[in-house]
Amino acid sequence: MSILNSGVVGSEGGVVLDDEEYKGQCRITRERCEKYDAITCGVYGGMVHATFSNQEDSFDLLERMKADLKRFIDADIEDFDDELAFFEKFVDIYR
């Protein structure tokens, strides 16, 4: 993943700690908010999702989410139903 912005205010109003893009197809951002961390991710043209975590666990959560997004992008899935199934499962796992 390539690193984008850090240290700026993110979409959830927190300070961006991590902001990475993978193969120009997905992006994931972790923000430090006052009482929690927010992780927002998206697959361009397909899904946007945000989840929230305590500050102690957010880095591990970010890494798990990044790994799942990378596997999805690398699988190069072309079937819409298979993409939708991934998105639904991803959102269910990372509520």
N, C-alpha and C. Protein backbone atom coordinates (compact mmCIF):
# COMPACT_ATOMS: atom_id res chain seq x y z
N MET A 1 0.85 -1.17 0.00
CA MET A 1 0.00 0.00 0.00
C MET A 1 0.90 1.24 0.00
N SER A 2 0.48 2.24 -0.72
CA SER A 2 1.24 3.49 -0.74
C SER A 2 0.63 4.47 0.27
N ILE A 3 1.49 5.22 0.94
CA ILE A 3 1.06 6.14 1.99
C ILE A 3 0.63 7.45 1.36
N LEU A 4 -0.50 7.98 1.82
CA LEU A 4 -1.04 9.24 1.32
C LEU A 4 -0.89 10.30 2.41
N ASN A 5 -1.97 10.81 2.92
CA ASN A 5 -1.96 11.89 3.92
C ASN A 5 -1.80 11.34 5.33
N SER A 6 -1.10 12.08 6.15
CA SER A 6 -1.10 11.81 7.59
C SER A 6 -0.95 13.13 8.32
N GLY A 7 -1.52 13.20 9.50
CA GLY A 7 -1.45 14.41 10.29
C GLY A 7 -2.51 15.45 9.97
N VAL A 8 -3.37 15.20 9.00
CA VAL A 8 -4.44 16.13 8.66
C VAL A 8 -5.74 15.64 9.30
N VAL A 9 -6.77 16.46 9.29
CA VAL A 9 -8.07 16.07 9.82
C VAL A 9 -8.77 15.19 8.79
N GLY A 10 -9.28 14.05 9.25
CA GLY A 10 -9.94 13.10 8.36
C GLY A 10 -11.45 13.26 8.31
N SER A 11 -12.08 12.36 7.60
CA SER A 11 -13.53 12.44 7.37
C SER A 11 -14.35 12.25 8.63
N GLU A 12 -13.78 11.62 9.66
CA GLU A 12 -14.49 11.42 10.92
C GLU A 12 -14.13 12.48 11.96
N GLY A 13 -13.34 13.48 11.55
CA GLY A 13 -13.00 14.59 12.44
C GLY A 13 -11.78 14.37 13.31
N GLY A 14 -11.09 13.24 13.11
CA GLY A 14 -9.89 12.96 13.88
C GLY A 14 -8.63 13.26 13.09
N VAL A 15 -7.49 13.13 13.76
CA VAL A 15 -6.20 13.33 13.10
C VAL A 15 -5.81 12.04 12.39
N VAL A 16 -5.48 12.13 11.11
CA VAL A 16 -5.13 10.96 10.32
C VAL A 16 -3.79 10.40 10.78
N LEU A 17 -3.80 9.12 11.17
CA LEU A 17 -2.59 8.42 11.57
C LEU A 17 -2.02 7.61 10.41
N ASP A 18 -2.91 6.98 9.68
CA ASP A 18 -2.53 6.15 8.53
C ASP A 18 -3.50 6.43 7.40
N ASP A 19 -2.98 6.53 6.20
CA ASP A 19 -3.82 6.75 5.02
C ASP A 19 -3.10 6.10 3.84
N GLU A 20 -3.61 4.96 3.40
CA GLU A 20 -2.91 4.18 2.39
C GLU A 20 -3.84 3.78 1.24
N GLU A 21 -3.25 3.68 0.08
CA GLU A 21 -3.96 3.24 -1.12
C GLU A 21 -3.24 2.01 -1.66
N TYR A 22 -4.02 1.08 -2.25
CA TYR A 22 -3.44 -0.14 -2.80
C TYR A 22 -3.82 -0.27 -4.27
N LYS A 23 -2.81 -0.32 -5.10
CA LYS A 23 -2.96 -0.53 -6.54
C LYS A 23 -3.97 0.41 -7.20
N GLY A 24 -4.18 1.58 -6.62
CA GLY A 24 -5.12 2.53 -7.18
C GLY A 24 -6.56 2.04 -7.17
N GLN A 25 -6.85 1.02 -6.33
CA GLN A 25 -8.18 0.42 -6.33
C GLN A 25 -8.90 0.46 -4.99
N CYS A 26 -8.15 0.69 -3.92
CA CYS A 26 -8.80 0.79 -2.61
C CYS A 26 -7.98 1.69 -1.71
N ARG A 27 -8.60 2.14 -0.65
CA ARG A 27 -7.96 3.06 0.28
C ARG A 27 -8.44 2.77 1.70
N ILE A 28 -7.56 2.95 2.66
CA ILE A 28 -7.92 2.77 4.06
C ILE A 28 -7.24 3.85 4.90
N THR A 29 -8.01 4.43 5.82
CA THR A 29 -7.53 5.55 6.63
C THR A 29 -7.88 5.29 8.09
N ARG A 30 -6.91 5.52 8.98
CA ARG A 30 -7.15 5.42 10.42
C ARG A 30 -6.97 6.80 11.03
N GLU A 31 -7.94 7.20 11.84
CA GLU A 31 -7.92 8.51 12.49
C GLU A 31 -7.98 8.36 14.00
N ARG A 32 -7.28 9.23 14.68
CA ARG A 32 -7.36 9.30 16.14
C ARG A 32 -8.35 10.39 16.50
N CYS A 33 -9.49 9.98 17.01
CA CYS A 33 -10.50 10.91 17.49
C CYS A 33 -10.34 11.06 19.01
N GLU A 34 -11.14 11.87 19.62
CA GLU A 34 -10.96 12.14 21.05
C GLU A 34 -11.09 10.89 21.92
N LYS A 35 -12.12 10.07 21.66
CA LYS A 35 -12.39 8.93 22.55
C LYS A 35 -12.24 7.57 21.86
N TYR A 36 -11.93 7.55 20.59
CA TYR A 36 -11.85 6.29 19.83
C TYR A 36 -11.02 6.55 18.57
N ASP A 37 -10.71 5.49 17.87
CA ASP A 37 -10.11 5.60 16.54
C ASP A 37 -11.14 5.19 15.51
N ALA A 38 -11.12 5.84 14.38
CA ALA A 38 -12.02 5.53 13.27
C ALA A 38 -11.20 4.98 12.12
N ILE A 39 -11.70 3.94 11.48
CA ILE A 39 -11.06 3.38 10.30
C ILE A 39 -12.09 3.43 9.17
N THR A 40 -11.75 4.13 8.12
CA THR A 40 -12.61 4.25 6.95
C THR A 40 -11.89 3.63 5.78
N CYS A 41 -12.61 2.79 5.02
CA CYS A 41 -11.97 2.17 3.86
C CYS A 41 -12.96 2.12 2.72
N GLY A 42 -12.42 1.93 1.54
CA GLY A 42 -13.27 1.82 0.38
C GLY A 42 -12.59 1.12 -0.76
N VAL A 43 -13.39 0.42 -1.53
CA VAL A 43 -12.96 -0.15 -2.80
C VAL A 43 -13.59 0.76 -3.84
N TYR A 44 -12.76 1.41 -4.62
CA TYR A 44 -13.26 2.40 -5.57
C TYR A 44 -14.32 1.82 -6.47
N GLY A 45 -15.47 2.49 -6.52
CA GLY A 45 -16.58 2.06 -7.36
C GLY A 45 -17.40 0.94 -6.78
N GLY A 46 -17.10 0.52 -5.53
CA GLY A 46 -17.82 -0.63 -5.01
C GLY A 46 -18.32 -0.53 -3.58
N MET A 47 -17.51 0.01 -2.67
CA MET A 47 -17.87 -0.03 -1.26
C MET A 47 -17.15 1.07 -0.51
N VAL A 48 -17.82 1.62 0.49
CA VAL A 48 -17.20 2.49 1.49
C VAL A 48 -17.70 2.00 2.84
N HIS A 49 -16.79 1.89 3.81
CA HIS A 49 -17.17 1.39 5.12
C HIS A 49 -16.34 2.08 6.20
N ALA A 50 -16.97 2.37 7.32
CA ALA A 50 -16.27 2.93 8.48
C ALA A 50 -16.57 2.08 9.69
N THR A 51 -15.55 1.91 10.52
CA THR A 51 -15.72 1.20 11.78
C THR A 51 -14.94 1.95 12.85
N PHE A 52 -15.23 1.64 14.10
CA PHE A 52 -14.65 2.38 15.20
C PHE A 52 -14.06 1.41 16.21
N SER A 53 -12.97 1.83 16.85
CA SER A 53 -12.24 0.94 17.75
C SER A 53 -11.66 1.74 18.90
N ASN A 54 -11.36 1.04 19.99
CA ASN A 54 -10.60 1.72 21.04
C ASN A 54 -9.19 1.95 20.49
N GLN A 55 -8.50 2.91 21.06
CA GLN A 55 -7.21 3.32 20.52
C GLN A 55 -6.15 2.23 20.65
N GLU A 56 -6.26 1.38 21.65
CA GLU A 56 -5.27 0.33 21.86
C GLU A 56 -5.31 -0.76 20.80
N ASP A 57 -6.48 -1.03 20.24
CA ASP A 57 -6.64 -2.14 19.30
C ASP A 57 -6.73 -1.72 17.84
N SER A 58 -6.75 -0.42 17.58
CA SER A 58 -7.06 0.03 16.21
C SER A 58 -5.98 -0.32 15.19
N PHE A 59 -4.72 -0.35 15.58
CA PHE A 59 -3.67 -0.68 14.60
C PHE A 59 -3.80 -2.12 14.14
N ASP A 60 -4.05 -3.05 15.07
CA ASP A 60 -4.23 -4.45 14.69
C ASP A 60 -5.46 -4.62 13.80
N LEU A 61 -6.53 -3.91 14.12
CA LEU A 61 -7.74 -3.95 13.30
C LEU A 61 -7.44 -3.42 11.90
N LEU A 62 -6.72 -2.31 11.82
CA LEU A 62 -6.32 -1.74 10.53
C LEU A 62 -5.55 -2.76 9.70
N GLU A 63 -4.61 -3.44 10.31
CA GLU A 63 -3.79 -4.42 9.59
C GLU A 63 -4.62 -5.59 9.08
N ARG A 64 -5.57 -6.06 9.87
CA ARG A 64 -6.45 -7.15 9.42
C ARG A 64 -7.31 -6.71 8.24
N MET A 65 -7.86 -5.50 8.35
CA MET A 65 -8.70 -4.98 7.27
C MET A 65 -7.88 -4.80 5.99
N LYS A 66 -6.66 -4.27 6.12
CA LYS A 66 -5.79 -4.09 4.96
C LYS A 66 -5.51 -5.42 4.28
N ALA A 67 -5.22 -6.44 5.07
CA ALA A 67 -4.92 -7.77 4.50
C ALA A 67 -6.12 -8.30 3.72
N ASP A 68 -7.32 -8.15 4.26
CA ASP A 68 -8.52 -8.62 3.55
C ASP A 68 -8.75 -7.83 2.26
N LEU A 69 -8.56 -6.52 2.32
CA LEU A 69 -8.73 -5.70 1.11
C LEU A 69 -7.69 -6.07 0.05
N LYS A 70 -6.45 -6.29 0.45
CA LYS A 70 -5.41 -6.68 -0.51
C LYS A 70 -5.75 -8.01 -1.19
N ARG A 71 -6.20 -8.98 -0.37
CA ARG A 71 -6.57 -10.28 -0.95
C ARG A 71 -7.69 -10.12 -1.97
N PHE A 72 -8.67 -9.29 -1.65
CA PHE A 72 -9.78 -9.05 -2.57
C PHE A 72 -9.29 -8.42 -3.87
N ILE A 73 -8.48 -7.38 -3.77
CA ILE A 73 -7.97 -6.70 -4.97
C ILE A 73 -7.11 -7.65 -5.78
N ASP A 74 -6.24 -8.39 -5.12
CA ASP A 74 -5.35 -9.31 -5.84
C ASP A 74 -6.09 -10.46 -6.50
N ALA A 75 -7.27 -10.82 -5.98
CA ALA A 75 -8.06 -11.90 -6.57
C ALA A 75 -8.67 -11.49 -7.91
N ASP A 76 -8.75 -10.17 -8.17
CA ASP A 76 -9.25 -9.65 -9.43
C ASP A 76 -10.61 -10.25 -9.80
N ILE A 77 -11.53 -10.19 -8.86
CA ILE A 77 -12.87 -10.74 -9.04
C ILE A 77 -13.65 -9.87 -10.03
N GLU A 78 -14.23 -10.50 -11.02
CA GLU A 78 -14.99 -9.76 -12.04
C GLU A 78 -16.49 -9.96 -11.93
N ASP A 79 -16.92 -10.99 -11.24
CA ASP A 79 -18.34 -11.29 -11.12
C ASP A 79 -18.96 -10.37 -10.06
N PHE A 80 -20.01 -9.65 -10.43
CA PHE A 80 -20.67 -8.70 -9.53
C PHE A 80 -21.16 -9.38 -8.26
N ASP A 81 -21.78 -10.55 -8.38
CA ASP A 81 -22.30 -11.24 -7.21
C ASP A 81 -21.19 -11.64 -6.24
N ASP A 82 -20.03 -12.05 -6.78
CA ASP A 82 -18.90 -12.40 -5.93
C ASP A 82 -18.34 -11.16 -5.23
N GLU A 83 -18.30 -10.03 -5.95
CA GLU A 83 -17.87 -8.78 -5.32
C GLU A 83 -18.82 -8.41 -4.19
N LEU A 84 -20.10 -8.46 -4.46
CA LEU A 84 -21.11 -8.12 -3.47
C LEU A 84 -21.00 -9.02 -2.24
N ALA A 85 -20.75 -10.30 -2.46
CA ALA A 85 -20.59 -11.24 -1.34
C ALA A 85 -19.39 -10.85 -0.48
N PHE A 86 -18.29 -10.46 -1.12
CA PHE A 86 -17.13 -10.00 -0.35
C PHE A 86 -17.48 -8.77 0.47
N PHE A 87 -18.12 -7.78 -0.16
CA PHE A 87 -18.47 -6.54 0.53
C PHE A 87 -19.35 -6.82 1.74
N GLU A 88 -20.36 -7.67 1.57
CA GLU A 88 -21.27 -7.99 2.67
C GLU A 88 -20.54 -8.69 3.81
N LYS A 89 -19.67 -9.63 3.48
CA LYS A 89 -18.91 -10.35 4.50
C LYS A 89 -17.95 -9.40 5.21
N PHE A 90 -17.26 -8.55 4.47
CA PHE A 90 -16.33 -7.60 5.04
C PHE A 90 -17.01 -6.67 6.04
N VAL A 91 -18.15 -6.11 5.64
CA VAL A 91 -18.89 -5.21 6.52
C VAL A 91 -19.39 -5.96 7.75
N ASP A 92 -19.80 -7.21 7.58
CA ASP A 92 -20.27 -8.00 8.71
C ASP A 92 -19.14 -8.28 9.71
N ILE A 93 -17.96 -8.57 9.20
CA ILE A 93 -16.79 -8.84 10.07
C ILE A 93 -16.34 -7.59 10.79
N TYR A 94 -16.26 -6.48 10.05
CA TYR A 94 -15.70 -5.23 10.59
C TYR A 94 -16.80 -4.22 10.88
N ARG A 95 -17.71 -4.57 11.77
CA ARG A 95 -18.81 -3.68 12.16
C ARG A 95 -18.32 -2.52 12.96
